[in-house]
Amino acid sequence: MHPRREAVPFAFVAETDRFRSNVTPPARQRPGLSEIAGRTLIGLTVVAGLVGSLLFGMPALQAGPQAGHAQQSEASQGR
């Protein structure tokens, strides 16, 4: 026993693609001065955090010959 399916005409399916609603969405409110200032402060805080992490992280990422040389000289002096 198969469930009974009704045939849907192709013209009806194609017609749904062209359907446009006649209801207009509400107008967007313009952001106030305090909202613009808040968004700007949040953006500046994020950018400052990224720049600060780069400034503090760059010396740790640089493999300088001084650090490796100091360890080798301490080990060679111990022998």
N, C-alpha and C. Protein backbone atom coordinates (compact mmCIF):
# COMPACT_ATOMS: atom_id res chain seq x y z
N MET A 1 0.82 -1.17 0.00
CA MET A 1 0.00 0.00 0.00
C MET A 1 0.88 1.25 0.00
N HIS A 2 0.89 1.93 -1.10
CA HIS A 2 1.64 3.17 -1.22
C HIS A 2 0.76 4.35 -0.83
N PRO A 3 1.36 5.35 -0.16
CA PRO A 3 0.54 6.53 0.15
C PRO A 3 0.18 7.28 -1.14
N ARG A 4 -1.00 7.80 -1.18
CA ARG A 4 -1.45 8.49 -2.38
C ARG A 4 -0.82 9.87 -2.46
N ARG A 5 -0.21 10.17 -3.59
CA ARG A 5 0.41 11.47 -3.82
C ARG A 5 -0.35 12.21 -4.90
N GLU A 6 -0.59 13.46 -4.65
CA GLU A 6 -1.29 14.26 -5.66
C GLU A 6 -0.25 14.87 -6.59
N ALA A 7 -0.59 14.93 -7.83
CA ALA A 7 0.29 15.52 -8.82
C ALA A 7 0.25 17.04 -8.70
N VAL A 8 1.42 17.65 -8.74
CA VAL A 8 1.50 19.11 -8.68
C VAL A 8 1.86 19.59 -10.08
N PRO A 9 1.06 20.44 -10.67
CA PRO A 9 1.40 20.92 -12.01
C PRO A 9 2.66 21.76 -11.98
N PHE A 10 3.46 21.62 -13.03
CA PHE A 10 4.74 22.33 -13.10
C PHE A 10 4.56 23.83 -13.12
N ALA A 11 3.50 24.31 -13.72
CA ALA A 11 3.27 25.75 -13.81
C ALA A 11 3.09 26.34 -12.41
N PHE A 12 2.47 25.59 -11.51
CA PHE A 12 2.28 26.09 -10.15
C PHE A 12 3.62 26.20 -9.43
N VAL A 13 4.51 25.23 -9.62
CA VAL A 13 5.82 25.26 -8.97
C VAL A 13 6.65 26.42 -9.52
N ALA A 14 6.60 26.64 -10.83
CA ALA A 14 7.35 27.73 -11.44
C ALA A 14 6.80 29.08 -11.00
N GLU A 15 5.52 29.13 -10.72
CA GLU A 15 4.91 30.39 -10.32
C GLU A 15 5.37 30.83 -8.93
N THR A 16 5.71 29.90 -8.07
CA THR A 16 6.14 30.25 -6.72
C THR A 16 7.49 30.94 -6.72
N ASP A 17 8.32 30.71 -7.73
CA ASP A 17 9.62 31.38 -7.80
C ASP A 17 9.47 32.87 -8.06
N ARG A 18 8.41 33.26 -8.73
CA ARG A 18 8.22 34.66 -9.08
C ARG A 18 7.40 35.41 -8.05
N PHE A 19 6.93 34.74 -7.01
CA PHE A 19 6.03 35.37 -6.05
C PHE A 19 6.76 36.44 -5.25
N ARG A 20 6.15 37.59 -5.16
CA ARG A 20 6.67 38.70 -4.36
C ARG A 20 5.59 39.11 -3.37
N SER A 21 6.01 39.36 -2.16
CA SER A 21 5.06 39.78 -1.15
C SER A 21 4.73 41.26 -1.32
N ASN A 22 3.50 41.62 -1.02
CA ASN A 22 3.11 43.03 -1.10
C ASN A 22 3.25 43.70 0.26
N VAL A 23 3.82 43.02 1.23
CA VAL A 23 4.03 43.59 2.56
C VAL A 23 5.43 44.18 2.61
N THR A 24 5.52 45.45 2.90
CA THR A 24 6.82 46.11 2.96
C THR A 24 7.40 45.96 4.37
N PRO A 25 8.69 45.67 4.47
CA PRO A 25 9.29 45.55 5.79
C PRO A 25 9.40 46.92 6.45
N PRO A 26 9.46 46.95 7.77
CA PRO A 26 9.57 48.26 8.43
C PRO A 26 10.90 48.93 8.10
N ALA A 27 10.90 50.25 8.11
CA ALA A 27 12.10 51.01 7.78
C ALA A 27 13.15 50.82 8.87
N ARG A 28 14.41 50.76 8.46
CA ARG A 28 15.50 50.59 9.42
C ARG A 28 15.75 51.91 10.14
N GLN A 29 15.96 51.82 11.43
CA GLN A 29 16.24 53.02 12.20
C GLN A 29 17.70 53.38 12.05
N ARG A 30 17.96 54.67 11.95
CA ARG A 30 19.34 55.13 11.85
C ARG A 30 19.99 55.05 13.21
N PRO A 31 21.25 54.57 13.28
CA PRO A 31 21.91 54.48 14.58
C PRO A 31 22.18 55.86 15.16
N GLY A 32 22.04 55.95 16.47
CA GLY A 32 22.27 57.22 17.14
C GLY A 32 23.76 57.46 17.35
N LEU A 33 24.06 58.62 17.89
CA LEU A 33 25.45 59.00 18.12
C LEU A 33 26.11 58.08 19.14
N SER A 34 25.38 57.71 20.19
CA SER A 34 25.96 56.83 21.21
C SER A 34 26.24 55.44 20.65
N GLU A 35 25.37 54.95 19.76
CA GLU A 35 25.58 53.64 19.17
C GLU A 35 26.80 53.65 18.24
N ILE A 36 26.96 54.71 17.48
CA ILE A 36 28.13 54.83 16.60
C ILE A 36 29.40 54.91 17.43
N ALA A 37 29.37 55.68 18.53
CA ALA A 37 30.54 55.81 19.40
C ALA A 37 30.87 54.46 20.05
N GLY A 38 29.86 53.72 20.46
CA GLY A 38 30.09 52.40 21.06
C GLY A 38 30.71 51.43 20.09
N ARG A 39 30.20 51.41 18.87
CA ARG A 39 30.77 50.51 17.85
C ARG A 39 32.22 50.88 17.53
N THR A 40 32.49 52.20 17.50
CA THR A 40 33.85 52.65 17.21
C THR A 40 34.80 52.25 18.33
N LEU A 41 34.36 52.40 19.58
CA LEU A 41 35.21 52.00 20.71
C LEU A 41 35.46 50.50 20.73
N ILE A 42 34.46 49.71 20.41
CA ILE A 42 34.66 48.26 20.37
C ILE A 42 35.65 47.90 19.26
N GLY A 43 35.51 48.52 18.10
CA GLY A 43 36.44 48.26 16.99
C GLY A 43 37.86 48.66 17.34
N LEU A 44 38.03 49.82 17.96
CA LEU A 44 39.37 50.26 18.35
C LEU A 44 39.97 49.35 19.41
N THR A 45 39.15 48.85 20.32
CA THR A 45 39.64 47.94 21.35
C THR A 45 40.13 46.63 20.73
N VAL A 46 39.39 46.11 19.77
CA VAL A 46 39.80 44.87 19.10
C VAL A 46 41.09 45.09 18.33
N VAL A 47 41.19 46.18 17.59
CA VAL A 47 42.40 46.47 16.82
C VAL A 47 43.59 46.68 17.75
N ALA A 48 43.38 47.39 18.86
CA ALA A 48 44.48 47.61 19.81
C ALA A 48 44.94 46.30 20.43
N GLY A 49 44.02 45.40 20.70
CA GLY A 49 44.39 44.09 21.24
C GLY A 49 45.21 43.28 20.26
N LEU A 50 44.85 43.31 18.99
CA LEU A 50 45.61 42.58 17.98
C LEU A 50 47.01 43.17 17.80
N VAL A 51 47.09 44.49 17.77
CA VAL A 51 48.40 45.14 17.62
C VAL A 51 49.26 44.88 18.85
N GLY A 52 48.68 44.93 20.03
CA GLY A 52 49.43 44.66 21.25
C GLY A 52 49.93 43.23 21.30
N SER A 53 49.12 42.28 20.88
CA SER A 53 49.57 40.88 20.87
C SER A 53 50.70 40.67 19.88
N LEU A 54 50.66 41.39 18.77
CA LEU A 54 51.77 41.29 17.81
C LEU A 54 53.06 41.89 18.39
N LEU A 55 52.92 43.04 19.07
CA LEU A 55 54.10 43.69 19.63
C LEU A 55 54.75 42.84 20.72
N PHE A 56 53.93 42.23 21.56
CA PHE A 56 54.49 41.40 22.63
C PHE A 56 54.90 40.02 22.14
N GLY A 57 54.29 39.56 21.07
CA GLY A 57 54.58 38.21 20.57
C GLY A 57 55.76 38.13 19.63
N MET A 58 56.08 39.22 18.94
CA MET A 58 57.17 39.18 17.96
C MET A 58 58.53 38.85 18.57
N PRO A 59 58.92 39.40 19.71
CA PRO A 59 60.22 39.02 20.28
C PRO A 59 60.29 37.53 20.64
N ALA A 60 59.18 36.95 21.04
CA ALA A 60 59.19 35.53 21.39
C ALA A 60 59.31 34.65 20.15
N LEU A 61 58.84 35.15 19.01
CA LEU A 61 58.90 34.35 17.79
C LEU A 61 60.26 34.46 17.08
N GLN A 62 61.03 35.48 17.40
CA GLN A 62 62.32 35.64 16.74
C GLN A 62 63.36 34.76 17.43
N ALA A 63 63.99 33.91 16.64
CA ALA A 63 65.05 33.05 17.17
C ALA A 63 66.37 33.76 16.92
N GLY A 64 66.87 34.42 17.93
CA GLY A 64 68.11 35.18 17.78
C GLY A 64 69.32 34.32 18.11
N PRO A 65 70.47 34.66 17.55
CA PRO A 65 71.68 33.89 17.85
C PRO A 65 72.17 34.11 19.28
N GLN A 66 71.72 35.17 19.93
CA GLN A 66 72.18 35.45 21.29
C GLN A 66 71.67 34.40 22.26
N ALA A 67 70.42 34.00 22.14
CA ALA A 67 69.86 33.05 23.09
C ALA A 67 70.53 31.68 22.94
N GLY A 68 70.71 31.22 21.71
CA GLY A 68 71.36 29.94 21.48
C GLY A 68 72.83 29.97 21.86
N HIS A 69 73.50 31.09 21.62
CA HIS A 69 74.93 31.23 21.91
C HIS A 69 75.16 31.23 23.41
N ALA A 70 74.29 31.89 24.16
CA ALA A 70 74.45 31.96 25.62
C ALA A 70 74.30 30.58 26.23
N GLN A 71 73.40 29.78 25.73
CA GLN A 71 73.23 28.44 26.28
C GLN A 71 74.41 27.57 25.96
N GLN A 72 74.96 27.71 24.78
CA GLN A 72 76.11 26.90 24.39
C GLN A 72 77.34 27.31 25.22
N SER A 73 77.49 28.60 25.45
CA SER A 73 78.68 29.04 26.18
C SER A 73 78.60 28.59 27.64
N GLU A 74 77.43 28.57 28.24
CA GLU A 74 77.29 28.11 29.61
C GLU A 74 77.59 26.62 29.69
N ALA A 75 77.14 25.86 28.70
CA ALA A 75 77.39 24.42 28.71
C ALA A 75 78.87 24.14 28.47
N SER A 76 79.52 24.91 27.63
CA SER A 76 80.94 24.65 27.35
C SER A 76 81.82 25.08 28.53
N GLN A 77 81.40 26.05 29.29
CA GLN A 77 82.18 26.48 30.45
C GLN A 77 82.10 25.46 31.59
N GLY A 78 81.04 24.71 31.66
CA GLY A 78 80.87 23.73 32.72
C GLY A 78 81.80 22.53 32.56
N ARG A 79 82.31 22.24 31.39
CA ARG A 79 83.15 21.06 31.17
C ARG A 79 84.56 21.31 31.51
